Amino acid sequence: MTERVYHEIASCYNYVLMADLFSRWRTGLAKTSMAAFGRLANLLGATEITNNTWDELEALLIQADVGFETTAEVLTSLQCLVRTSGSTRANELDSALRIELRKRLETPPVLEWTACPSVILMVGVNGSGKTTTMAKLGQRFVGEGKTVIFGAADTFRAAAVDQLRVWGSRLKVDVIAGAPESDPGAVAFNTVQAGVARNLDFILIDTAGRLHTRFNLMEELKKVQRVVGKALDGAPHAVWLVLDATTGQNALQQARAFRDAVNVTGVILAKLDSSARGGMAFAIQRQLGLPILFAGLGEKPEDLTPFDPDAFIAGLLEPADSSVS
């Protein structure tokens, strides 16, 4: 095979992968796109830019839960562009809007794991999809050839333990659990000790979902974090907060409380495919300063995908059936 042919095949393969990636994001963001951004085609058509254009664009962004502050910043930048460029047609705002939105999303950091084992503590409120998300992460790591152990430190919800055991059986991953309503700190400690003794790559610890307003429960979560650190110096190496994307801006207050309590290092947006409020990603970046690491775009394990700002914006602003150009 000549070098030119090899590069052509590689190029075609990469194109197929990219097309599949963007298609997955468009499908996953279809509800947000149709509920709010779907009006863009009419709004940014071949019409004159008027005060009504700005009013409708503002309403569209707020409806998608982009947030008031981010919306105001985007509109100010677009209005400045119109004044300086002399643009008069609404369709000239489309590419500028994409650029302004992209500026407000950080590319997630490359996940580098220097500790072995690396301990990841999963936190979030009740019903956020935390346990399922952790199991999908475990499958992702196993698929990469890594060794994993699960810690079922959500000792107050029997279904969470059972759920992890089902996943553990499927993935051939051991699950460390305690008796119902036992000390979650003890389960976390035992899980870390087991992972260290077996020289595993990853230790994933599920914690009980809790309301951020419950002081005693948040204090208990802090205890779990401290116990993990006693079991292994430097642990946890990551604390990932799972947010339910369907709750929109309401999730921000939750996120602040968890960030302040246990030093959250990254966010996972679960149920993004079920939400019409996908714009909350912009508010998370602006108000919390936390990287969005993964997004749930469906129910299958492979639908938990690394967050891609470019694919995210394309999924918001392009029709779900459009093709990658």
Protein backbone atom coordinates (compact mmCIF):
# COMPACT_ATOMS: atom_id res chain seq x y z
CA MET A 1 0.00 0.00 0.00
CA THR A 2 1.42 3.37 -1.02
CA GLU A 3 1.76 6.14 1.54
CA ARG A 4 -0.75 8.26 -0.37
CA VAL A 5 -3.39 5.50 -0.34
CA TYR A 6 -2.75 4.89 3.35
CA HIS A 7 -3.33 8.56 4.14
CA GLU A 8 -6.50 8.61 2.03
CA ILE A 9 -7.89 5.61 3.91
CA ALA A 10 -6.95 7.16 7.24
CA SER A 11 -8.59 10.41 6.20
CA CYS A 12 -11.82 8.64 5.22
CA TYR A 13 -11.82 6.72 8.51
CA ASN A 14 -11.39 9.91 10.51
CA TYR A 15 -14.18 11.56 8.53
CA VAL A 16 -16.54 8.69 9.34
CA LEU A 17 -15.64 8.92 13.03
CA MET A 18 -16.20 12.68 13.04
CA ALA A 19 -19.50 12.34 11.20
CA ASP A 20 -20.66 9.74 13.72
CA LEU A 21 -19.59 11.96 16.62
CA PHE A 22 -21.48 15.01 15.35
CA SER A 23 -24.51 12.87 14.50
CA ARG A 24 -24.58 11.49 18.04
CA TRP A 25 -24.44 14.99 19.53
CA ARG A 26 -27.17 16.29 17.20
CA THR A 27 -29.42 13.40 18.15
CA GLY A 28 -28.65 13.80 21.85
CA LEU A 29 -29.38 17.51 21.79
CA ALA A 30 -32.49 17.28 19.63
CA LYS A 31 -34.86 18.31 22.45
CA THR A 32 -32.90 21.45 23.30
CA SER A 33 -32.49 22.27 19.62
CA MET A 34 -36.17 21.88 18.80
CA ALA A 35 -37.42 23.60 21.94
CA ALA A 36 -35.31 26.73 21.62
CA PHE A 37 -32.57 26.90 19.02
CA GLY A 38 -34.84 25.41 16.38
CA ARG A 39 -36.29 28.90 15.89
CA LEU A 40 -32.91 30.21 14.76
CA ALA A 41 -33.54 29.38 11.11
CA ASN A 42 -36.49 31.75 11.00
CA LEU A 43 -34.97 34.35 13.29
CA LEU A 44 -31.67 34.52 11.42
CA GLY A 45 -33.14 34.46 7.97
CA ALA A 46 -32.72 37.00 5.19
CA THR A 47 -34.42 39.79 7.08
CA GLU A 48 -33.31 43.12 8.44
CA ILE A 49 -31.80 43.23 11.93
CA THR A 50 -34.29 45.03 14.16
CA ASN A 51 -34.89 45.47 17.86
CA ASN A 52 -37.22 42.52 17.58
CA THR A 53 -34.31 40.39 16.34
CA TRP A 54 -32.39 41.06 19.54
CA ASP A 55 -35.46 40.50 21.72
CA GLU A 56 -36.19 37.14 20.13
CA LEU A 57 -32.56 36.03 20.28
CA GLU A 58 -32.44 36.95 23.95
CA ALA A 59 -35.60 34.97 24.65
CA LEU A 60 -34.27 31.99 22.71
CA LEU A 61 -31.00 31.85 24.66
CA ILE A 62 -32.70 32.25 28.04
CA GLN A 63 -35.28 29.60 27.16
CA ALA A 64 -32.44 27.16 26.46
CA ASP A 65 -31.04 27.93 29.95
CA VAL A 66 -27.91 29.60 28.66
CA GLY A 67 -28.23 31.95 31.64
CA PHE A 68 -28.92 35.67 31.94
CA GLU A 69 -25.28 36.72 32.31
CA THR A 70 -24.02 34.69 29.36
CA THR A 71 -26.97 35.79 27.24
CA ALA A 72 -26.25 39.45 27.99
CA GLU A 73 -22.57 39.01 27.12
CA VAL A 74 -23.34 37.26 23.82
CA LEU A 75 -25.90 39.90 22.77
CA THR A 76 -23.52 42.75 23.65
CA SER A 77 -20.76 41.18 21.54
CA LEU A 78 -23.09 40.61 18.58
CA GLN A 79 -24.47 44.14 18.75
CA CYS A 80 -20.94 45.54 18.82
CA LEU A 81 -20.07 43.42 15.78
CA VAL A 82 -23.10 44.73 13.90
CA ARG A 83 -22.16 48.32 14.65
CA THR A 84 -18.52 47.95 13.62
CA SER A 85 -19.13 45.81 10.53
CA GLY A 86 -22.21 47.62 9.27
CA SER A 87 -24.13 44.33 8.96
CA THR A 88 -27.84 44.75 8.39
CA ARG A 89 -29.03 41.22 7.60
CA ALA A 90 -29.96 38.77 10.34
CA ASN A 91 -28.43 35.80 8.52
CA GLU A 92 -25.01 37.39 8.98
CA LEU A 93 -25.32 36.76 12.72
CA ASP A 94 -25.34 32.96 12.48
CA SER A 95 -21.59 32.32 12.30
CA ALA A 96 -20.92 35.13 14.77
CA LEU A 97 -23.32 33.53 17.27
CA ARG A 98 -21.51 30.21 16.95
CA ILE A 99 -18.18 31.91 17.59
CA GLU A 100 -19.48 33.77 20.63
CA LEU A 101 -20.98 30.63 22.13
CA ARG A 102 -17.82 28.63 21.47
CA LYS A 103 -15.73 31.25 23.28
CA ARG A 104 -17.72 30.49 26.40
CA LEU A 105 -17.05 26.77 26.50
CA GLU A 106 -13.70 25.44 27.60
CA THR A 107 -12.18 22.40 25.95
CA PRO A 108 -12.04 19.78 28.73
CA PRO A 109 -8.59 18.99 30.07
CA VAL A 110 -6.93 15.76 29.00
CA LEU A 111 -7.49 13.26 31.79
CA GLU A 112 -4.09 12.11 32.95
CA TRP A 113 -3.84 9.58 35.74
CA THR A 114 -0.48 9.51 37.46
CA ALA A 115 -1.59 7.67 40.59
CA CYS A 116 -2.13 3.92 40.58
CA PRO A 117 -4.73 3.23 41.66
CA SER A 118 -6.60 6.44 40.89
CA VAL A 119 -9.62 7.05 43.11
CA ILE A 120 -12.69 8.80 41.67
CA LEU A 121 -15.44 9.90 44.06
CA MET A 122 -18.87 10.28 42.44
CA VAL A 123 -21.25 12.82 44.02
CA GLY A 124 -24.63 14.35 43.22
CA VAL A 125 -28.22 14.76 44.34
CA ASN A 126 -30.89 12.08 44.42
CA GLY A 127 -32.01 10.99 40.98
CA SER A 128 -29.20 12.69 39.06
CA GLY A 129 -28.16 9.44 37.39
CA LYS A 130 -24.98 9.16 39.42
CA THR A 131 -24.89 5.38 39.94
CA THR A 132 -25.67 4.61 36.29
CA THR A 133 -23.09 7.15 35.15
CA MET A 134 -20.43 5.60 37.38
CA ALA A 135 -21.17 2.16 35.99
CA LYS A 136 -20.85 3.49 32.43
CA LEU A 137 -17.52 5.06 33.34
CA GLY A 138 -16.42 1.69 34.67
CA GLN A 139 -17.34 0.06 31.39
CA ARG A 140 -15.41 2.75 29.54
CA PHE A 141 -12.29 2.12 31.60
CA VAL A 142 -12.60 -1.66 31.26
CA GLY A 143 -12.95 -1.23 27.51
CA GLU A 144 -9.65 0.65 27.56
CA GLY A 145 -7.99 -2.34 29.20
CA LYS A 146 -7.94 -0.87 32.71
CA THR A 147 -8.68 -2.74 35.92
CA VAL A 148 -11.50 -1.35 38.04
CA ILE A 149 -13.26 -1.86 41.35
CA PHE A 150 -16.60 -0.37 42.45
CA GLY A 151 -17.36 0.90 45.93
CA ALA A 152 -21.08 0.95 46.79
CA ALA A 153 -20.94 3.66 49.47
CA ASP A 154 -24.59 4.56 48.87
CA THR A 155 -25.61 2.36 51.79
CA PHE A 156 -29.03 4.00 52.20
CA ARG A 157 -30.45 2.88 48.87
CA ALA A 158 -30.46 -0.87 48.37
CA ALA A 159 -31.27 -0.42 44.68
CA ALA A 160 -27.98 1.43 44.15
CA VAL A 161 -25.99 -1.50 45.55
CA ASP A 162 -27.99 -4.00 43.49
CA GLN A 163 -27.52 -1.85 40.40
CA LEU A 164 -23.75 -1.78 40.85
CA ARG A 165 -23.65 -5.53 41.46
CA VAL A 166 -25.47 -6.14 38.18
CA TRP A 167 -22.97 -3.95 36.36
CA GLY A 168 -20.09 -5.54 38.24
CA SER A 169 -21.20 -9.00 37.18
CA ARG A 170 -21.54 -7.85 33.59
CA LEU A 171 -18.12 -6.21 33.52
CA LYS A 172 -16.38 -8.76 35.78
CA VAL A 173 -15.66 -5.93 38.21
CA ASP A 174 -15.76 -6.59 41.96
CA VAL A 175 -18.13 -4.51 44.08
CA ILE A 176 -17.34 -3.69 47.69
CA ALA A 177 -20.52 -3.10 49.70
CA GLY A 178 -21.67 -3.01 53.30
CA ALA A 179 -24.83 -3.86 55.15
CA PRO A 180 -27.88 -1.64 54.52
CA GLU A 181 -27.55 1.71 56.29
CA SER A 182 -24.00 0.91 57.37
CA ASP A 183 -21.28 3.54 57.56
CA PRO A 184 -20.55 4.74 53.97
CA GLY A 185 -17.11 5.88 55.10
CA ALA A 186 -16.23 2.32 56.05
CA VAL A 187 -17.32 1.03 52.64
CA ALA A 188 -15.23 3.69 50.92
CA PHE A 189 -12.21 2.86 53.11
CA ASN A 190 -12.51 -0.88 52.42
CA THR A 191 -12.87 -0.25 48.69
CA VAL A 192 -9.69 1.81 48.54
CA GLN A 193 -7.79 -0.77 50.56
CA ALA A 194 -8.97 -3.54 48.23
CA GLY A 195 -7.98 -1.55 45.14
CA VAL A 196 -4.53 -0.84 46.55
CA ALA A 197 -3.96 -4.44 47.60
CA ARG A 198 -4.87 -5.68 44.11
CA ASN A 199 -2.84 -2.97 42.36
CA LEU A 200 -5.81 -1.91 40.25
CA ASP A 201 -5.96 1.07 37.91
CA PHE A 202 -9.21 2.72 39.05
CA ILE A 203 -11.32 2.80 42.18
CA LEU A 204 -14.79 4.24 41.55
CA ILE A 205 -16.80 5.07 44.66
CA ASP A 206 -20.53 5.78 44.50
CA THR A 207 -21.96 7.98 47.25
CA ALA A 208 -25.51 8.46 48.43
CA GLY A 209 -27.51 11.05 46.57
CA ARG A 210 -28.26 13.94 48.87
CA LEU A 211 -29.94 17.30 48.79
CA HIS A 212 -27.39 20.09 48.90
CA THR A 213 -29.50 21.84 51.55
CA ARG A 214 -29.16 19.01 54.08
CA PHE A 215 -26.24 20.07 56.27
CA ASN A 216 -25.81 16.72 58.03
CA LEU A 217 -25.70 14.78 54.77
CA MET A 218 -23.15 17.13 53.24
CA GLU A 219 -21.01 16.74 56.37
CA GLU A 220 -21.23 13.00 55.96
CA LEU A 221 -20.00 13.35 52.38
CA LYS A 222 -17.04 15.35 53.62
CA LYS A 223 -16.31 12.50 56.01
CA VAL A 224 -16.29 9.99 53.15
CA GLN A 225 -13.79 12.18 51.32
CA ARG A 226 -11.55 12.40 54.41
CA VAL A 227 -11.70 8.66 54.98
CA VAL A 228 -10.66 7.99 51.39
CA GLY A 229 -7.67 10.25 51.93
CA LYS A 230 -6.68 8.28 55.03
CA ALA A 231 -6.93 5.01 53.12
CA LEU A 232 -4.63 6.30 50.36
CA ASP A 233 -2.52 9.41 50.52
CA GLY A 234 -3.59 11.94 47.89
CA ALA A 235 -7.00 10.35 47.30
CA PRO A 236 -9.52 11.03 45.98
CA HIS A 237 -7.69 12.00 42.82
CA ALA A 238 -10.91 13.27 41.25
CA VAL A 239 -14.34 14.25 42.55
CA TRP A 240 -16.90 14.23 39.77
CA LEU A 241 -20.31 15.82 40.17
CA VAL A 242 -23.15 14.30 38.17
CA LEU A 243 -25.79 16.87 37.24
CA ASP A 244 -29.20 16.09 35.78
CA ALA A 245 -29.39 18.25 32.66
CA THR A 246 -33.18 18.25 32.78
CA THR A 247 -33.11 20.46 35.90
CA GLY A 248 -31.46 23.34 34.02
CA GLN A 249 -30.43 26.36 36.06
CA ASN A 250 -31.74 24.74 39.25
CA ALA A 251 -28.71 22.45 39.17
CA LEU A 252 -26.32 25.37 39.63
CA GLN A 253 -27.12 25.90 43.30
CA GLN A 254 -26.62 22.20 43.89
CA ALA A 255 -23.31 22.32 42.08
CA ARG A 256 -22.03 25.24 44.16
CA ALA A 257 -22.79 23.40 47.39
CA PHE A 258 -20.99 20.24 46.29
CA ARG A 259 -18.07 22.21 44.89
CA ASP A 260 -17.59 24.03 48.16
CA ALA A 261 -18.07 20.92 50.32
CA VAL A 262 -15.84 18.37 48.60
CA ASN A 263 -13.74 20.29 46.07
CA VAL A 264 -15.42 19.00 42.91
CA THR A 265 -12.92 18.73 40.04
CA GLY A 266 -15.26 18.08 37.12
CA VAL A 267 -18.89 17.85 36.00
CA ILE A 268 -20.74 15.14 34.11
CA LEU A 269 -23.98 16.24 32.45
CA ALA A 270 -26.34 13.27 32.64
CA LYS A 271 -29.62 12.93 30.71
CA LEU A 272 -28.66 15.62 28.22
CA ASP A 273 -30.68 13.77 25.58
CA SER A 274 -33.81 14.10 27.73
CA SER A 275 -33.37 17.81 28.35
CA ALA A 276 -34.62 20.91 26.57
CA ARG A 277 -32.21 22.92 28.72
CA GLY A 278 -28.84 21.95 27.28
CA GLY A 279 -27.76 25.58 27.36
CA MET A 280 -26.99 25.12 31.07
CA ALA A 281 -23.52 24.01 29.98
CA PHE A 282 -22.66 27.67 29.41
CA ALA A 283 -23.87 28.65 32.87
CA ILE A 284 -21.84 25.86 34.46
CA GLN A 285 -18.70 27.12 32.79
CA ARG A 286 -19.33 30.77 33.61
CA GLN A 287 -20.60 30.52 37.16
CA LEU A 288 -18.81 27.46 38.52
CA GLY A 289 -15.50 27.46 36.68
CA LEU A 290 -15.64 23.67 36.48
CA PRO A 291 -14.79 21.64 33.38
CA ILE A 292 -17.54 19.55 31.82
CA LEU A 293 -15.86 16.19 31.29
CA PHE A 294 -18.59 13.90 29.96
CA ALA A 295 -22.17 14.11 28.75
CA GLY A 296 -24.91 11.50 28.70
CA LEU A 297 -26.48 11.43 25.25
CA GLY A 298 -28.56 8.31 25.63
CA GLU A 299 -29.18 5.19 27.69
CA LYS A 300 -26.50 2.95 26.19
CA PRO A 301 -23.06 2.83 27.86
CA GLU A 302 -21.37 4.22 24.77
CA ASP A 303 -23.69 7.24 24.93
CA LEU A 304 -21.65 8.58 27.84
CA THR A 305 -19.17 10.52 25.75
CA PRO A 306 -16.36 12.99 26.43
CA PHE A 307 -17.67 16.54 26.26
CA ASP A 308 -16.86 18.13 22.90
CA PRO A 309 -17.62 21.89 22.76
CA ASP A 310 -17.63 22.04 18.95
CA ALA A 311 -19.95 19.07 18.57
CA PHE A 312 -22.11 20.45 21.38
CA ILE A 313 -22.64 23.79 19.63
CA ALA A 314 -23.24 22.06 16.30
CA GLY A 315 -25.84 19.86 17.98
CA LEU A 316 -27.61 22.91 19.39
CA LEU A 317 -27.66 25.01 16.26
CA GLU A 318 -28.09 22.48 13.46
CA PRO A 319 -31.17 20.40 12.64
CA ALA A 320 -30.99 16.85 13.93
CA ASP A 321 -31.17 15.40 10.40
CA SER A 322 -28.51 17.62 8.84
CA SER A 323 -25.33 16.00 7.62
CA VAL A 324 -21.75 16.80 8.43
CA SER A 325 -20.22 18.92 5.72
